[in-house]
PDB file of N, CA and C in Angstrom:
ATOM      1  N   ASP A   1      -4.010  -1.838 -14.830  1.00  0.00           N
ATOM      2  CA  ASP A   1      -4.939  -2.032 -13.690  1.00  0.00           C
ATOM      3  C   ASP A   1      -5.154  -0.710 -12.967  1.00  0.00           C
ATOM      4  N   GLU A   2      -6.264  -0.096 -13.215  1.00  0.00           N
ATOM      5  CA  GLU A   2      -6.517   1.204 -12.568  1.00  0.00           C
ATOM      6  C   GLU A   2      -6.821   1.017 -11.081  1.00  0.00           C
ATOM      7  N   TRP A   3      -7.480  -0.093 -10.763  1.00  0.00           N
ATOM      8  CA  TRP A   3      -7.847  -0.302  -9.344  1.00  0.00           C
ATOM      9  C   TRP A   3      -6.587  -0.565  -8.513  1.00  0.00           C
ATOM     10  N   GLU A   4      -5.586  -1.131  -9.137  1.00  0.00           N
ATOM     11  CA  GLU A   4      -4.360  -1.426  -8.368  1.00  0.00           C
ATOM     12  C   GLU A   4      -3.749  -0.123  -7.840  1.00  0.00           C
ATOM     13  N   GLN A   5      -3.794   0.906  -8.649  1.00  0.00           N
ATOM     14  CA  GLN A   5      -3.201   2.190  -8.222  1.00  0.00           C
ATOM     15  C   GLN A   5      -3.945   2.717  -6.990  1.00  0.00           C
ATOM     16  N   GLU A   6      -5.258   2.627  -7.031  1.00  0.00           N
ATOM     17  CA  GLU A   6      -6.032   3.137  -5.887  1.00  0.00           C
ATOM     18  C   GLU A   6      -5.749   2.314  -4.641  1.00  0.00           C
ATOM     19  N   GLN A   7      -5.645   1.009  -4.824  1.00  0.00           N
ATOM     20  CA  GLN A   7      -5.382   0.145  -3.669  1.00  0.00           C
ATOM     21  C   GLN A   7      -3.980   0.433  -3.125  1.00  0.00           C
ATOM     22  N   CYS A   8      -3.082   0.788  -4.020  1.00  0.00           N
ATOM     23  CA  CYS A   8      -1.694   1.066  -3.597  1.00  0.00           C
ATOM     24  C   CYS A   8      -1.695   2.216  -2.585  1.00  0.00           C
ATOM     25  N   GLN A   9      -2.686   3.098  -2.664  1.00  0.00           N
ATOM     26  CA  GLN A   9      -2.723   4.238  -1.743  1.00  0.00           C
ATOM     27  C   GLN A   9      -2.619   3.745  -0.304  1.00  0.00           C
ATOM     28  N   TRP A  10      -3.430   2.780   0.063  1.00  0.00           N
ATOM     29  CA  TRP A  10      -3.359   2.265   1.451  1.00  0.00           C
ATOM     30  C   TRP A  10      -2.354   1.121   1.521  1.00  0.00           C
ATOM     31  N   CYS A  11      -2.180   0.450   0.378  1.00  0.00           N
ATOM     32  CA  CYS A  11      -1.221  -0.671   0.366  1.00  0.00           C
ATOM     33  C   CYS A  11       0.166  -0.153   0.726  1.00  0.00           C
ATOM     34  N   ASP A  12       0.502   0.998   0.190  1.00  0.00           N
ATOM     35  CA  ASP A  12       1.824   1.577   0.459  1.00  0.00           C
ATOM     36  C   ASP A  12       1.993   1.818   1.960  1.00  0.00           C
ATOM     37  N   GLU A  13       0.947   2.318   2.576  1.00  0.00           N
ATOM     38  CA  GLU A  13       1.049   2.585   4.030  1.00  0.00           C
ATOM     39  C   GLU A  13       1.215   1.281   4.797  1.00  0.00           C
ATOM     40  N   VAL A  14       0.496   0.285   4.405  1.00  0.00           N
ATOM     41  CA  VAL A  14       0.594  -1.019   5.083  1.00  0.00           C
ATOM     42  C   VAL A  14       1.999  -1.581   4.918  1.00  0.00           C
ATOM     43  N   LYS A  15       2.531  -1.452   3.723  1.00  0.00           N
ATOM     44  CA  LYS A  15       3.888  -1.970   3.475  1.00  0.00           C
ATOM     45  C   LYS A  15       4.890  -1.271   4.387  1.00  0.00           C
ATOM     46  N   GLN A  16       4.749   0.034   4.531  1.00  0.00           N
ATOM     47  CA  GLN A  16       5.681   0.784   5.381  1.00  0.00           C
ATOM     48  C   GLN A  16       5.569   0.310   6.827  1.00  0.00           C
ATOM     49  N   VAL A  17       4.361   0.115   7.279  1.00  0.00           N
ATOM     50  CA  VAL A  17       4.155  -0.329   8.665  1.00  0.00           C
ATOM     51  C   VAL A  17       4.753  -1.720   8.864  1.00  0.00           C
ATOM     52  N   LEU A  18       4.533  -2.576   7.889  1.00  0.00           N
ATOM     53  CA  LEU A  18       5.063  -3.943   8.004  1.00  0.00           C
ATOM     54  C   LEU A  18       6.584  -3.897   8.064  1.00  0.00           C
ATOM     55  N   GLU A  19       7.178  -3.053   7.257  1.00  0.00           N
ATOM     56  CA  GLU A  19       8.645  -2.964   7.255  1.00  0.00           C
ATOM     57  C   GLU A  19       9.151  -2.381   8.569  1.00  0.00           C
ATOM     58  N   LYS A  20       8.380  -1.458   9.113  1.00  0.00           N
ATOM     59  CA  LYS A  20       8.799  -0.826  10.383  1.00  0.00           C
ATOM     60  C   LYS A  20       8.734  -1.839  11.524  1.00  0.00           C
ATOM     61  N   SER A  21       7.758  -2.724  11.462  1.00  0.00           N
ATOM     62  CA  SER A  21       7.577  -3.709  12.537  1.00  0.00           C
ATOM     63  C   SER A  21       8.895  -4.421  12.836  1.00  0.00           C
TER      64      SER A  21
END
């Protein structure tokens, strides 16, 4: 899934924020 990698770019940031919450 090539699109998954691109989405991971912002997905990763969202995951970090969610974990920080």
